[in-house]
Amino acid sequence: MENIYTVFITLVTVLGSAGAWRFYEKRYESKRTEEMDYKYECKNRIDKLEFLLAESSKEKEEMRKTILELSTQLAALRVKIDIMEKEKGK
C-alpha cells in the first residue's frame, strides 16, 4: 500500500512540476500560434477573393456597356441596310 502512495506522490510531483508546467505552456502557445496563423491566412484569402470579385464586377459592367453599344450600332446598320435595299428595289 505504501508503494501506491509513493507512486501517486511521484506522479503528482512530476505532473505539477515547473518543467511540466512549462511544457504545457509551450504546447498551448504552439497551438495558439498555429490557430492565429490559420486565421491570418484565411483573412488574406478572403481579402484576395473580395478584391477579385470587385474586379470581376467592374469587368462585367464594362462588357455590358460594350455589348449595349454594339447592339445599338448593329440596329443602326440594319436600318441603313433596310433603307438601301428599299432604294435598290425601286
C-alpha atoms as a PDB file:
ATOM      1  CA  MET A   1       0.000   0.000   0.000  1.00  0.00           C
ATOM      2  CA  GLU A   2       2.925   2.280   0.742  1.00  0.00           C
ATOM      3  CA  ASN A   3       4.171   1.760  -2.824  1.00  0.00           C
ATOM      4  CA  ILE A   4       0.873   3.084  -4.201  1.00  0.00           C
ATOM      5  CA  TYR A   5       1.234   6.267  -2.146  1.00  0.00           C
ATOM      6  CA  THR A   6       4.792   6.679  -3.311  1.00  0.00           C
ATOM      7  CA  VAL A   7       3.767   6.259  -6.941  1.00  0.00           C
ATOM      8  CA  PHE A   8       0.859   8.668  -6.515  1.00  0.00           C
ATOM      9  CA  ILE A   9       3.022  11.327  -4.868  1.00  0.00           C
ATOM     10  CA  THR A  10       5.668  10.905  -7.554  1.00  0.00           C
ATOM     11  CA  LEU A  11       3.075  11.338 -10.313  1.00  0.00           C
ATOM     12  CA  VAL A  12       1.650  14.438  -8.679  1.00  0.00           C
ATOM     13  CA  THR A  13       5.130  15.864  -8.280  1.00  0.00           C
ATOM     14  CA  VAL A  14       6.081  15.154 -11.880  1.00  0.00           C
ATOM     15  CA  LEU A  15       2.849  16.458 -13.346  1.00  0.00           C
ATOM     16  CA  GLY A  16       2.844  19.526 -11.162  1.00  0.00           C
ATOM     17  CA  SER A  17       6.487  20.380 -11.539  1.00  0.00           C
ATOM     18  CA  ALA A  18       7.726  23.559 -13.144  1.00  0.00           C
ATOM     19  CA  GLY A  19       9.096  21.621 -16.109  1.00  0.00           C
ATOM     20  CA  ALA A  20       5.748  20.098 -16.813  1.00  0.00           C
ATOM     21  CA  TRP A  21       4.096  23.482 -16.430  1.00  0.00           C
ATOM     22  CA  ARG A  22       6.493  24.997 -19.000  1.00  0.00           C
ATOM     23  CA  PHE A  23       5.805  22.099 -21.348  1.00  0.00           C
ATOM     24  CA  TYR A  24       2.066  22.695 -21.160  1.00  0.00           C
ATOM     25  CA  GLU A  25       2.531  26.448 -21.642  1.00  0.00           C
ATOM     26  CA  LYS A  26       4.671  25.903 -24.739  1.00  0.00           C
ATOM     27  CA  ARG A  27       2.184  23.408 -26.088  1.00  0.00           C
ATOM     28  CA  TYR A  28      -0.663  25.883 -25.560  1.00  0.00           C
ATOM     29  CA  GLU A  29       1.301  28.719 -27.185  1.00  0.00           C
ATOM     30  CA  SER A  30       2.164  26.486 -30.139  1.00  0.00           C
ATOM     31  CA  LYS A  31      -1.481  25.610 -30.705  1.00  0.00           C
ATOM     32  CA  ARG A  32      -2.475  29.248 -30.298  1.00  0.00           C
ATOM     33  CA  THR A  33       0.169  30.369 -32.788  1.00  0.00           C
ATOM     34  CA  GLU A  34      -0.981  27.783 -35.320  1.00  0.00           C
ATOM     35  CA  GLU A  35      -4.553  28.926 -34.847  1.00  0.00           C
ATOM     36  CA  MET A  36      -3.602  32.581 -35.332  1.00  0.00           C
ATOM     37  CA  ASP A  37      -1.593  31.730 -38.448  1.00  0.00           C
ATOM     38  CA  TYR A  38      -4.587  29.873 -39.857  1.00  0.00           C
ATOM     39  CA  LYS A  39      -6.890  32.810 -39.114  1.00  0.00           C
ATOM     40  CA  TYR A  40      -4.429  35.226 -40.725  1.00  0.00           C
ATOM     41  CA  GLU A  41      -4.169  33.039 -43.820  1.00  0.00           C
ATOM     42  CA  CYS A  42      -7.961  32.806 -44.076  1.00  0.00           C
ATOM     43  CA  LYS A  43      -8.280  36.576 -43.721  1.00  0.00           C
ATOM     44  CA  ASN A  44      -5.745  37.104 -46.515  1.00  0.00           C
ATOM     45  CA  ARG A  45      -7.601  34.683 -48.770  1.00  0.00           C
ATOM     46  CA  ILE A  46     -10.918  36.398 -48.061  1.00  0.00           C
ATOM     47  CA  ASP A  47      -9.400  39.808 -48.850  1.00  0.00           C
ATOM     48  CA  LYS A  48      -7.997  38.481 -52.120  1.00  0.00           C
ATOM     49  CA  LEU A  49     -11.319  36.892 -53.093  1.00  0.00           C
ATOM     50  CA  GLU A  50     -13.196  40.112 -52.309  1.00  0.00           C
ATOM     51  CA  PHE A  51     -10.751  42.052 -54.486  1.00  0.00           C
ATOM     52  CA  LEU A  52     -11.141  39.579 -57.349  1.00  0.00           C
ATOM     53  CA  LEU A  53     -14.913  39.718 -57.024  1.00  0.00           C
ATOM     54  CA  ALA A  54     -14.880  43.523 -57.217  1.00  0.00           C
ATOM     55  CA  GLU A  55     -12.606  43.419 -60.265  1.00  0.00           C
ATOM     56  CA  SER A  56     -14.831  40.855 -61.917  1.00  0.00           C
ATOM     57  CA  SER A  57     -17.869  43.025 -61.278  1.00  0.00           C
ATOM     58  CA  LYS A  58     -16.143  46.004 -62.913  1.00  0.00           C
ATOM     59  CA  GLU A  59     -15.193  43.909 -65.946  1.00  0.00           C
ATOM     60  CA  LYS A  60     -18.744  42.592 -66.204  1.00  0.00           C
ATOM     61  CA  GLU A  61     -20.139  46.141 -66.184  1.00  0.00           C
ATOM     62  CA  GLU A  62     -17.658  47.230 -68.871  1.00  0.00           C
ATOM     63  CA  MET A  63     -18.617  44.254 -71.049  1.00  0.00           C
ATOM     64  CA  ARG A  64     -22.303  45.038 -70.553  1.00  0.00           C
ATOM     65  CA  LYS A  65     -21.708  48.621 -71.770  1.00  0.00           C
ATOM     66  CA  THR A  66     -19.728  47.355 -74.771  1.00  0.00           C
ATOM     67  CA  ILE A  67     -22.491  44.911 -75.698  1.00  0.00           C
ATOM     68  CA  LEU A  68     -25.082  47.684 -75.432  1.00  0.00           C
ATOM     69  CA  GLU A  69     -23.017  49.940 -77.722  1.00  0.00           C
ATOM     70  CA  LEU A  70     -22.516  47.131 -80.245  1.00  0.00           C
ATOM     71  CA  SER A  71     -26.210  46.296 -80.181  1.00  0.00           C
ATOM     72  CA  THR A  72     -27.060  49.946 -80.857  1.00  0.00           C
ATOM     73  CA  GLN A  73     -24.608  50.096 -83.752  1.00  0.00           C
ATOM     74  CA  LEU A  74     -25.969  46.825 -85.157  1.00  0.00           C
ATOM     75  CA  ALA A  75     -29.528  48.150 -85.040  1.00  0.00           C
ATOM     76  CA  ALA A  76     -28.424  51.327 -86.843  1.00  0.00           C
ATOM     77  CA  LEU A  77     -26.648  49.282 -89.528  1.00  0.00           C
ATOM     78  CA  ARG A  78     -29.734  47.109 -90.034  1.00  0.00           C
ATOM     79  CA  VAL A  79     -31.843  50.224 -90.543  1.00  0.00           C
ATOM     80  CA  LYS A  80     -29.358  51.547 -93.093  1.00  0.00           C
ATOM     81  CA  ILE A  81     -29.325  48.193 -94.901  1.00  0.00           C
ATOM     82  CA  ASP A  82     -33.119  48.111 -94.986  1.00  0.00           C
ATOM     83  CA  ILE A  83     -33.208  51.655 -96.424  1.00  0.00           C
ATOM     84  CA  MET A  84     -30.568  50.762 -99.036  1.00  0.00           C
ATOM     85  CA  GLU A  85     -32.455  47.609-100.043  1.00  0.00           C
ATOM     86  CA  LYS A  86     -35.690  49.565-100.425  1.00  0.00           C
ATOM     87  CA  GLU A  87     -33.932  52.171-102.586  1.00  0.00           C
ATOM     88  CA  LYS A  88     -32.341  49.447-104.676  1.00  0.00           C
ATOM     89  CA  GLY A  89     -35.693  47.757-105.178  1.00  0.00           C
ATOM     90  CA  LYS A  90     -37.346  50.894-106.603  1.00  0.00           C
END
